[in-house]
Amino acid sequence: MKVSRVIEAKNVSHVYYGWHNELQLTVEGGELKITLDESSLRAIAQVCNKKIAEQDEEKAEEAKKLAAEKEALDKELEKSTEN
């Protein structure tokens, strides 16, 4: 028989990966301990790294957009002060 359980936890404050392939996450209200084999650890890392790359790309695009807007405003200000 397979037993599954969903645990909702927020705000991971500490992460530790121990000697016995145990991932420990300290969260609000307690701690999660998960035993992982190498393939599971790699799968988690792949998903996390992909998400981080997506977030970095979104932030870079937003920064580029803001820089272009600032440059346009600076040019407008420069034109208005010339007159």
PDB file of N, CA and C in Angstrom:
ATOM      1  N   MET A   1       0.832  -1.163   0.000  1.00  0.00           N
ATOM      2  CA  MET A   1       0.000   0.000   0.000  1.00  0.00           C
ATOM      3  C   MET A   1       0.891   1.246   0.000  1.00  0.00           C
ATOM      4  N   LYS A   2       0.507   2.211  -0.868  1.00  0.00           N
ATOM      5  CA  LYS A   2       1.260   3.452  -0.944  1.00  0.00           C
ATOM      6  C   LYS A   2       0.508   4.528  -0.176  1.00  0.00           C
ATOM      7  N   VAL A   3       1.238   5.212   0.678  1.00  0.00           N
ATOM      8  CA  VAL A   3       0.648   6.299   1.457  1.00  0.00           C
ATOM      9  C   VAL A   3       1.311   7.589   1.009  1.00  0.00           C
ATOM     10  N   SER A   4       0.500   8.572   0.665  1.00  0.00           N
ATOM     11  CA  SER A   4       1.068   9.877   0.299  1.00  0.00           C
ATOM     12  C   SER A   4       0.427  10.945   1.156  1.00  0.00           C
ATOM     13  N   ARG A   5       1.172  12.024   1.281  1.00  0.00           N
ATOM     14  CA  ARG A   5       0.713  13.103   2.138  1.00  0.00           C
ATOM     15  C   ARG A   5       1.231  14.420   1.583  1.00  0.00           C
ATOM     16  N   VAL A   6       0.397  15.406   1.573  1.00  0.00           N
ATOM     17  CA  VAL A   6       0.810  16.736   1.130  1.00  0.00           C
ATOM     18  C   VAL A   6       1.070  17.581   2.362  1.00  0.00           C
ATOM     19  N   ILE A   7       2.261  18.173   2.373  1.00  0.00           N
ATOM     20  CA  ILE A   7       2.637  19.048   3.475  1.00  0.00           C
ATOM     21  C   ILE A   7       2.901  20.421   2.872  1.00  0.00           C
ATOM     22  N   GLU A   8       2.159  21.408   3.319  1.00  0.00           N
ATOM     23  CA  GLU A   8       2.385  22.766   2.842  1.00  0.00           C
ATOM     24  C   GLU A   8       3.270  23.489   3.855  1.00  0.00           C
ATOM     25  N   ALA A   9       4.367  24.011   3.346  1.00  0.00           N
ATOM     26  CA  ALA A   9       5.301  24.725   4.215  1.00  0.00           C
ATOM     27  C   ALA A   9       5.730  25.994   3.508  1.00  0.00           C
ATOM     28  N   LYS A  10       5.945  27.040   4.268  1.00  0.00           N
ATOM     29  CA  LYS A  10       6.354  28.322   3.689  1.00  0.00           C
ATOM     30  C   LYS A  10       7.662  28.788   4.303  1.00  0.00           C
ATOM     31  N   ASN A  11       8.323  29.629   3.552  1.00  0.00           N
ATOM     32  CA  ASN A  11       9.512  30.327   4.024  1.00  0.00           C
ATOM     33  C   ASN A  11      10.594  29.394   4.571  1.00  0.00           C
ATOM     34  N   VAL A  12      11.316  28.782   3.668  1.00  0.00           N
ATOM     35  CA  VAL A  12      12.451  27.951   4.056  1.00  0.00           C
ATOM     36  C   VAL A  12      13.531  28.869   4.612  1.00  0.00           C
ATOM     37  N   SER A  13      13.920  28.629   5.848  1.00  0.00           N
ATOM     38  CA  SER A  13      14.927  29.484   6.486  1.00  0.00           C
ATOM     39  C   SER A  13      16.317  28.839   6.497  1.00  0.00           C
ATOM     40  N   HIS A  14      16.369  27.531   6.288  1.00  0.00           N
ATOM     41  CA  HIS A  14      17.662  26.844   6.300  1.00  0.00           C
ATOM     42  C   HIS A  14      17.556  25.566   5.484  1.00  0.00           C
ATOM     43  N   VAL A  15      18.618  25.267   4.740  1.00  0.00           N
ATOM     44  CA  VAL A  15      18.679  24.040   3.939  1.00  0.00           C
ATOM     45  C   VAL A  15      19.985  23.334   4.271  1.00  0.00           C
ATOM     46  N   TYR A  16      19.899  22.030   4.467  1.00  0.00           N
ATOM     47  CA  TYR A  16      21.088  21.239   4.756  1.00  0.00           C
ATOM     48  C   TYR A  16      20.955  19.895   4.065  1.00  0.00           C
ATOM     49  N   TYR A  17      22.021  19.433   3.434  1.00  0.00           N
ATOM     50  CA  TYR A  17      22.028  18.097   2.828  1.00  0.00           C
ATOM     51  C   TYR A  17      23.083  17.274   3.547  1.00  0.00           C
ATOM     52  N   GLY A  18      22.640  16.283   4.290  1.00  0.00           N
ATOM     53  CA  GLY A  18      23.534  15.533   5.166  1.00  0.00           C
ATOM     54  C   GLY A  18      24.243  14.364   4.510  1.00  0.00           C
ATOM     55  N   TRP A  19      25.018  13.684   5.316  1.00  0.00           N
ATOM     56  CA  TRP A  19      25.842  12.551   4.879  1.00  0.00           C
ATOM     57  C   TRP A  19      25.018  11.377   4.371  1.00  0.00           C
ATOM     58  N   HIS A  20      23.865  11.182   4.898  1.00  0.00           N
ATOM     59  CA  HIS A  20      23.074   9.992   4.573  1.00  0.00           C
ATOM     60  C   HIS A  20      21.985  10.291   3.554  1.00  0.00           C
ATOM     61  N   ASN A  21      22.319  11.163   2.578  1.00  0.00           N
ATOM     62  CA  ASN A  21      21.401  11.533   1.499  1.00  0.00           C
ATOM     63  C   ASN A  21      20.076  12.071   2.026  1.00  0.00           C
ATOM     64  N   GLU A  22      20.159  12.846   3.079  1.00  0.00           N
ATOM     65  CA  GLU A  22      18.957  13.404   3.685  1.00  0.00           C
ATOM     66  C   GLU A  22      18.953  14.919   3.503  1.00  0.00           C
ATOM     67  N   LEU A  23      17.928  15.401   2.810  1.00  0.00           N
ATOM     68  CA  LEU A  23      17.724  16.825   2.628  1.00  0.00           C
ATOM     69  C   LEU A  23      16.882  17.321   3.790  1.00  0.00           C
ATOM     70  N   GLN A  24      17.382  18.330   4.478  1.00  0.00           N
ATOM     71  CA  GLN A  24      16.654  18.888   5.620  1.00  0.00           C
ATOM     72  C   GLN A  24      16.297  20.338   5.301  1.00  0.00           C
ATOM     73  N   LEU A  25      15.010  20.647   5.384  1.00  0.00           N
ATOM     74  CA  LEU A  25      14.523  21.998   5.153  1.00  0.00           C
ATOM     75  C   LEU A  25      13.891  22.501   6.434  1.00  0.00           C
ATOM     76  N   THR A  26      14.409  23.582   6.972  1.00  0.00           N
ATOM     77  CA  THR A  26      13.794  24.213   8.136  1.00  0.00           C
ATOM     78  C   THR A  26      12.809  25.247   7.606  1.00  0.00           C
ATOM     79  N   VAL A  27      11.557  25.122   8.043  1.00  0.00           N
ATOM     80  CA  VAL A  27      10.475  25.992   7.575  1.00  0.00           C
ATOM     81  C   VAL A  27       9.736  26.560   8.771  1.00  0.00           C
ATOM     82  N   GLU A  28       8.833  27.518   8.485  1.00  0.00           N
ATOM     83  CA  GLU A  28       7.999  28.040   9.560  1.00  0.00           C
ATOM     84  C   GLU A  28       7.237  26.889  10.188  1.00  0.00           C
ATOM     85  N   GLY A  29       7.392  26.705  11.463  1.00  0.00           N
ATOM     86  CA  GLY A  29       6.634  25.680  12.157  1.00  0.00           C
ATOM     87  C   GLY A  29       7.291  24.316  12.248  1.00  0.00           C
ATOM     88  N   GLY A  30       8.471  24.136  11.674  1.00  0.00           N
ATOM     89  CA  GLY A  30       9.089  22.827  11.813  1.00  0.00           C
ATOM     90  C   GLY A  30      10.194  22.552  10.818  1.00  0.00           C
ATOM     91  N   GLU A  31      10.354  21.286  10.535  1.00  0.00           N
ATOM     92  CA  GLU A  31      11.447  20.831   9.681  1.00  0.00           C
ATOM     93  C   GLU A  31      10.966  19.668   8.822  1.00  0.00           C
ATOM     94  N   LEU A  32      11.420  19.645   7.570  1.00  0.00           N
ATOM     95  CA  LEU A  32      11.131  18.537   6.674  1.00  0.00           C
ATOM     96  C   LEU A  32      12.430  17.772   6.440  1.00  0.00           C
ATOM     97  N   LYS A  33      12.365  16.467   6.515  1.00  0.00           N
ATOM     98  CA  LYS A  33      13.527  15.639   6.220  1.00  0.00           C
ATOM     99  C   LYS A  33      13.123  14.689   5.108  1.00  0.00           C
ATOM    100  N   ILE A  34      13.895  14.708   4.011  1.00  0.00           N
ATOM    101  CA  ILE A  34      13.578  13.903   2.848  1.00  0.00           C
ATOM    102  C   ILE A  34      14.827  13.115   2.455  1.00  0.00           C
ATOM    103  N   THR A  35      14.704  11.809   2.381  1.00  0.00           N
ATOM    104  CA  THR A  35      15.815  10.978   1.935  1.00  0.00           C
ATOM    105  C   THR A  35      15.753  10.875   0.413  1.00  0.00           C
ATOM    106  N   LEU A  36      16.873  11.200  -0.237  1.00  0.00           N
ATOM    107  CA  LEU A  36      16.917  11.247  -1.695  1.00  0.00           C
ATOM    108  C   LEU A  36      18.059  10.399  -2.231  1.00  0.00           C
ATOM    109  N   ASP A  37      17.791   9.693  -3.345  1.00  0.00           N
ATOM    110  CA  ASP A  37      18.899   9.049  -4.035  1.00  0.00           C
ATOM    111  C   ASP A  37      19.478  10.067  -5.031  1.00  0.00           C
ATOM    112  N   GLU A  38      20.557   9.713  -5.690  1.00  0.00           N
ATOM    113  CA  GLU A  38      21.237  10.665  -6.566  1.00  0.00           C
ATOM    114  C   GLU A  38      20.336  11.158  -7.697  1.00  0.00           C
ATOM    115  N   SER A  39      19.581  10.264  -8.294  1.00  0.00           N
ATOM    116  CA  SER A  39      18.740  10.684  -9.417  1.00  0.00           C
ATOM    117  C   SER A  39      17.649  11.655  -8.962  1.00  0.00           C
ATOM    118  N   SER A  40      17.110  11.460  -7.777  1.00  0.00           N
ATOM    119  CA  SER A  40      16.098  12.375  -7.248  1.00  0.00           C
ATOM    120  C   SER A  40      16.712  13.736  -6.957  1.00  0.00           C
ATOM    121  N   LEU A  41      17.897  13.728  -6.381  1.00  0.00           N
ATOM    122  CA  LEU A  41      18.588  14.984  -6.082  1.00  0.00           C
ATOM    123  C   LEU A  41      18.871  15.756  -7.372  1.00  0.00           C
ATOM    124  N   ARG A  42      19.321  15.043  -8.403  1.00  0.00           N
ATOM    125  CA  ARG A  42      19.596  15.685  -9.689  1.00  0.00           C
ATOM    126  C   ARG A  42      18.317  16.232 -10.327  1.00  0.00           C
ATOM    127  N   ALA A  43      17.222  15.508 -10.196  1.00  0.00           N
ATOM    128  CA  ALA A  43      15.943  15.968 -10.757  1.00  0.00           C
ATOM    129  C   ALA A  43      15.488  17.252 -10.070  1.00  0.00           C
ATOM    130  N   ILE A  44      15.619  17.300  -8.753  1.00  0.00           N
ATOM    131  CA  ILE A  44      15.259  18.512  -7.998  1.00  0.00           C
ATOM    132  C   ILE A  44      16.155  19.674  -8.424  1.00  0.00           C
ATOM    133  N   ALA A  45      17.448  19.418  -8.531  1.00  0.00           N
ATOM    134  CA  ALA A  45      18.394  20.467  -8.925  1.00  0.00           C
ATOM    135  C   ALA A  45      18.070  20.986 -10.328  1.00  0.00           C
ATOM    136  N   GLN A  46      17.717  20.104 -11.228  1.00  0.00           N
ATOM    137  CA  GLN A  46      17.402  20.507 -12.598  1.00  0.00           C
ATOM    138  C   GLN A  46      16.176  21.426 -12.628  1.00  0.00           C
ATOM    139  N   VAL A  47      15.138  21.059 -11.888  1.00  0.00           N
ATOM    140  CA  VAL A  47      13.930  21.877 -11.836  1.00  0.00           C
ATOM    141  C   VAL A  47      14.235  23.239 -11.202  1.00  0.00           C
ATOM    142  N   CYS A  48      14.968  23.244 -10.092  1.00  0.00           N
ATOM    143  CA  CYS A  48      15.312  24.501  -9.410  1.00  0.00           C
ATOM    144  C   CYS A  48      16.179  25.383 -10.297  1.00  0.00           C
ATOM    145  N   ASN A  49      17.184  24.810 -10.944  1.00  0.00           N
ATOM    146  CA  ASN A  49      18.072  25.596 -11.802  1.00  0.00           C
ATOM    147  C   ASN A  49      17.316  26.192 -12.985  1.00  0.00           C
ATOM    148  N   LYS A  50      16.379  25.440 -13.550  1.00  0.00           N
ATOM    149  CA  LYS A  50      15.572  25.940 -14.663  1.00  0.00           C
ATOM    150  C   LYS A  50      14.715  27.125 -14.212  1.00  0.00           C
ATOM    151  N   LYS A  51      14.102  27.002 -13.056  1.00  0.00           N
ATOM    152  CA  LYS A  51      13.266  28.082 -12.530  1.00  0.00           C
ATOM    153  C   LYS A  51      14.101  29.325 -12.233  1.00  0.00           C
ATOM    154  N   ILE A  52      15.260  29.153 -11.658  1.00  0.00           N
ATOM    155  CA  ILE A  52      16.153  30.275 -11.362  1.00  0.00           C
ATOM    156  C   ILE A  52      16.561  30.974 -12.656  1.00  0.00           C
ATOM    157  N   ALA A  53      16.887  30.201 -13.695  1.00  0.00           N
ATOM    158  CA  ALA A  53      17.268  30.784 -14.984  1.00  0.00           C
ATOM    159  C   ALA A  53      16.108  31.581 -15.578  1.00  0.00           C
ATOM    160  N   GLU A  54      14.898  31.069 -15.474  1.00  0.00           N
ATOM    161  CA  GLU A  54      13.722  31.782 -15.974  1.00  0.00           C
ATOM    162  C   GLU A  54      13.529  33.101 -15.220  1.00  0.00           C
ATOM    163  N   GLN A  55      13.656  33.058 -13.909  1.00  0.00           N
ATOM    164  CA  GLN A  55      13.490  34.266 -13.104  1.00  0.00           C
ATOM    165  C   GLN A  55      14.578  35.290 -13.430  1.00  0.00           C
ATOM    166  N   ASP A  56      15.806  34.825 -13.606  1.00  0.00           N
ATOM    167  CA  ASP A  56      16.908  35.729 -13.953  1.00  0.00           C
ATOM    168  C   ASP A  56      16.649  36.392 -15.301  1.00  0.00           C
ATOM    169  N   GLU A  57      16.136  35.621 -16.256  1.00  0.00           N
ATOM    170  CA  GLU A  57      15.835  36.158 -17.581  1.00  0.00           C
ATOM    171  C   GLU A  57      14.727  37.213 -17.501  1.00  0.00           C
ATOM    172  N   GLU A  58      13.694  36.932 -16.725  1.00  0.00           N
ATOM    173  CA  GLU A  58      12.602  37.890 -16.554  1.00  0.00           C
ATOM    174  C   GLU A  58      13.113  39.187 -15.914  1.00  0.00           C
ATOM    175  N   LYS A  59      13.958  39.058 -14.913  1.00  0.00           N
ATOM    176  CA  LYS A  59      14.513  40.243 -14.246  1.00  0.00           C
ATOM    177  C   LYS A  59      15.393  41.045 -15.200  1.00  0.00           C
ATOM    178  N   ALA A  60      16.182  40.358 -16.023  1.00  0.00           N
ATOM    179  CA  ALA A  60      17.057  41.044 -16.981  1.00  0.00           C
ATOM    180  C   ALA A  60      16.223  41.788 -18.019  1.00  0.00           C
ATOM    181  N   GLU A  61      15.144  41.165 -18.488  1.00  0.00           N
ATOM    182  CA  GLU A  61      14.264  41.819 -19.458  1.00  0.00           C
ATOM    183  C   GLU A  61      13.614  43.057 -18.845  1.00  0.00           C
ATOM    184  N   GLU A  62      13.175  42.951 -17.603  1.00  0.00           N
ATOM    185  CA  GLU A  62      12.547  44.085 -16.925  1.00  0.00           C
ATOM    186  C   GLU A  62      13.559  45.213 -16.724  1.00  0.00           C
ATOM    187  N   ALA A  63      14.777  44.865 -16.336  1.00  0.00           N
ATOM    188  CA  ALA A  63      15.818  45.880 -16.144  1.00  0.00           C
ATOM    189  C   ALA A  63      16.142  46.573 -17.466  1.00  0.00           C
ATOM    190  N   LYS A  64      16.186  45.814 -18.548  1.00  0.00           N
ATOM    191  CA  LYS A  64      16.453  46.393 -19.867  1.00  0.00           C
ATOM    192  C   LYS A  64      15.336  47.350 -20.262  1.00  0.00           C
ATOM    193  N   LYS A  65      14.100  46.952 -19.997  1.00  0.00           N
ATOM    194  CA  LYS A  65      12.941  47.791 -20.303  1.00  0.00           C
ATOM    195  C   LYS A  65      12.995  49.094 -19.495  1.00  0.00           C
ATOM    196  N   LEU A  66      13.289  48.988 -18.204  1.00  0.00           N
ATOM    197  CA  LEU A  66      13.381  50.179 -17.353  1.00  0.00           C
ATOM    198  C   LEU A  66      14.514  51.101 -17.796  1.00  0.00           C
ATOM    199  N   ALA A  67      15.630  50.515 -18.205  1.00  0.00           N
ATOM    200  CA  ALA A  67      16.767  51.321 -18.667  1.00  0.00           C
ATOM    201  C   ALA A  67      16.398  52.081 -19.945  1.00  0.00           C
ATOM    202  N   ALA A  68      15.662  51.428 -20.843  1.00  0.00           N
ATOM    203  CA  ALA A  68      15.238  52.092 -22.082  1.00  0.00           C
ATOM    204  C   ALA A  68      14.265  53.221 -21.777  1.00  0.00           C
ATOM    205  N   GLU A  69      13.352  52.991 -20.834  1.00  0.00           N
ATOM    206  CA  GLU A  69      12.405  54.036 -20.444  1.00  0.00           C
ATOM    207  C   GLU A  69      13.137  55.222 -19.817  1.00  0.00           C
ATOM    208  N   LYS A  70      14.113  54.945 -18.977  1.00  0.00           N
ATOM    209  CA  LYS A  70      14.888  56.012 -18.340  1.00  0.00           C
ATOM    210  C   LYS A  70      15.658  56.812 -19.388  1.00  0.00           C
ATOM    211  N   GLU A  71      16.235  56.113 -20.348  1.00  0.00           N
ATOM    212  CA  GLU A  71      16.984  56.792 -21.399  1.00  0.00           C
ATOM    213  C   GLU A  71      16.058  57.706 -22.206  1.00  0.00           C
ATOM    214  N   ALA A  72      14.853  57.227 -22.509  1.00  0.00           N
ATOM    215  CA  ALA A  72      13.891  58.045 -23.248  1.00  0.00           C
ATOM    216  C   ALA A  72      13.497  59.284 -22.442  1.00  0.00           C
ATOM    217  N   LEU A  73      13.263  59.105 -21.152  1.00  0.00           N
ATOM    218  CA  LEU A  73      12.929  60.249 -20.293  1.00  0.00           C
ATOM    219  C   LEU A  73      14.084  61.241 -20.197  1.00  0.00           C
ATOM    220  N   ASP A  74      15.291  60.722 -20.091  1.00  0.00           N
ATOM    221  CA  ASP A  74      16.469  61.587 -20.031  1.00  0.00           C
ATOM    222  C   ASP A  74      16.606  62.421 -21.307  1.00  0.00           C
ATOM    223  N   LYS A  75      16.342  61.795 -22.463  1.00  0.00           N
ATOM    224  CA  LYS A  75      16.421  62.519 -23.731  1.00  0.00           C
ATOM    225  C   LYS A  75      15.349  63.605 -23.799  1.00  0.00           C
ATOM    226  N   GLU A  76      14.135  63.281 -23.328  1.00  0.00           N
ATOM    227  CA  GLU A  76      13.060  64.273 -23.306  1.00  0.00           C
ATOM    228  C   GLU A  76      13.435  65.456 -22.418  1.00  0.00           C
ATOM    229  N   LEU A  77      13.984  65.152 -21.250  1.00  0.00           N
ATOM    230  CA  LEU A  77      14.391  66.200 -20.319  1.00  0.00           C
ATOM    231  C   LEU A  77      15.490  67.061 -20.924  1.00  0.00           C
ATOM    232  N   GLU A  78      16.426  66.420 -21.586  1.00  0.00           N
ATOM    233  CA  GLU A  78      17.528  67.134 -22.226  1.00  0.00           C
ATOM    234  C   GLU A  78      16.996  68.069 -23.303  1.00  0.00           C
ATOM    235  N   LYS A  79      16.037  67.618 -24.102  1.00  0.00           N
ATOM    236  CA  LYS A  79      15.444  68.451 -25.152  1.00  0.00           C
ATOM    237  C   LYS A  79      14.694  69.646 -24.543  1.00  0.00           C
ATOM    238  N   SER A  80      13.958  69.386 -23.464  1.00  0.00           N
ATOM    239  CA  SER A  80      13.171  70.460 -22.846  1.00  0.00           C
ATOM    240  C   SER A  80      14.054  71.507 -22.187  1.00  0.00           C
ATOM    241  N   THR A  81      15.221  71.119 -21.711  1.00  0.00           N
ATOM    242  CA  THR A  81      16.113  72.099 -21.075  1.00  0.00           C
ATOM    243  C   THR A  81      16.909  72.872 -22.103  1.00  0.00           C
ATOM    244  N   GLU A  82      17.012  72.370 -23.337  1.00  0.00           N
ATOM    245  CA  GLU A  82      17.731  73.078 -24.405  1.00  0.00           C
ATOM    246  C   GLU A  82      16.908  74.257 -24.900  1.00  0.00           C
ATOM    247  N   ASN A  83      15.611  74.148 -24.805  1.00  0.00           N
ATOM    248  CA  ASN A  83      14.730  75.201 -25.331  1.00  0.00           C
ATOM    249  C   ASN A  83      14.581  76.292 -24.357  1.00  0.00           C
TER     250      ASN A  83
END
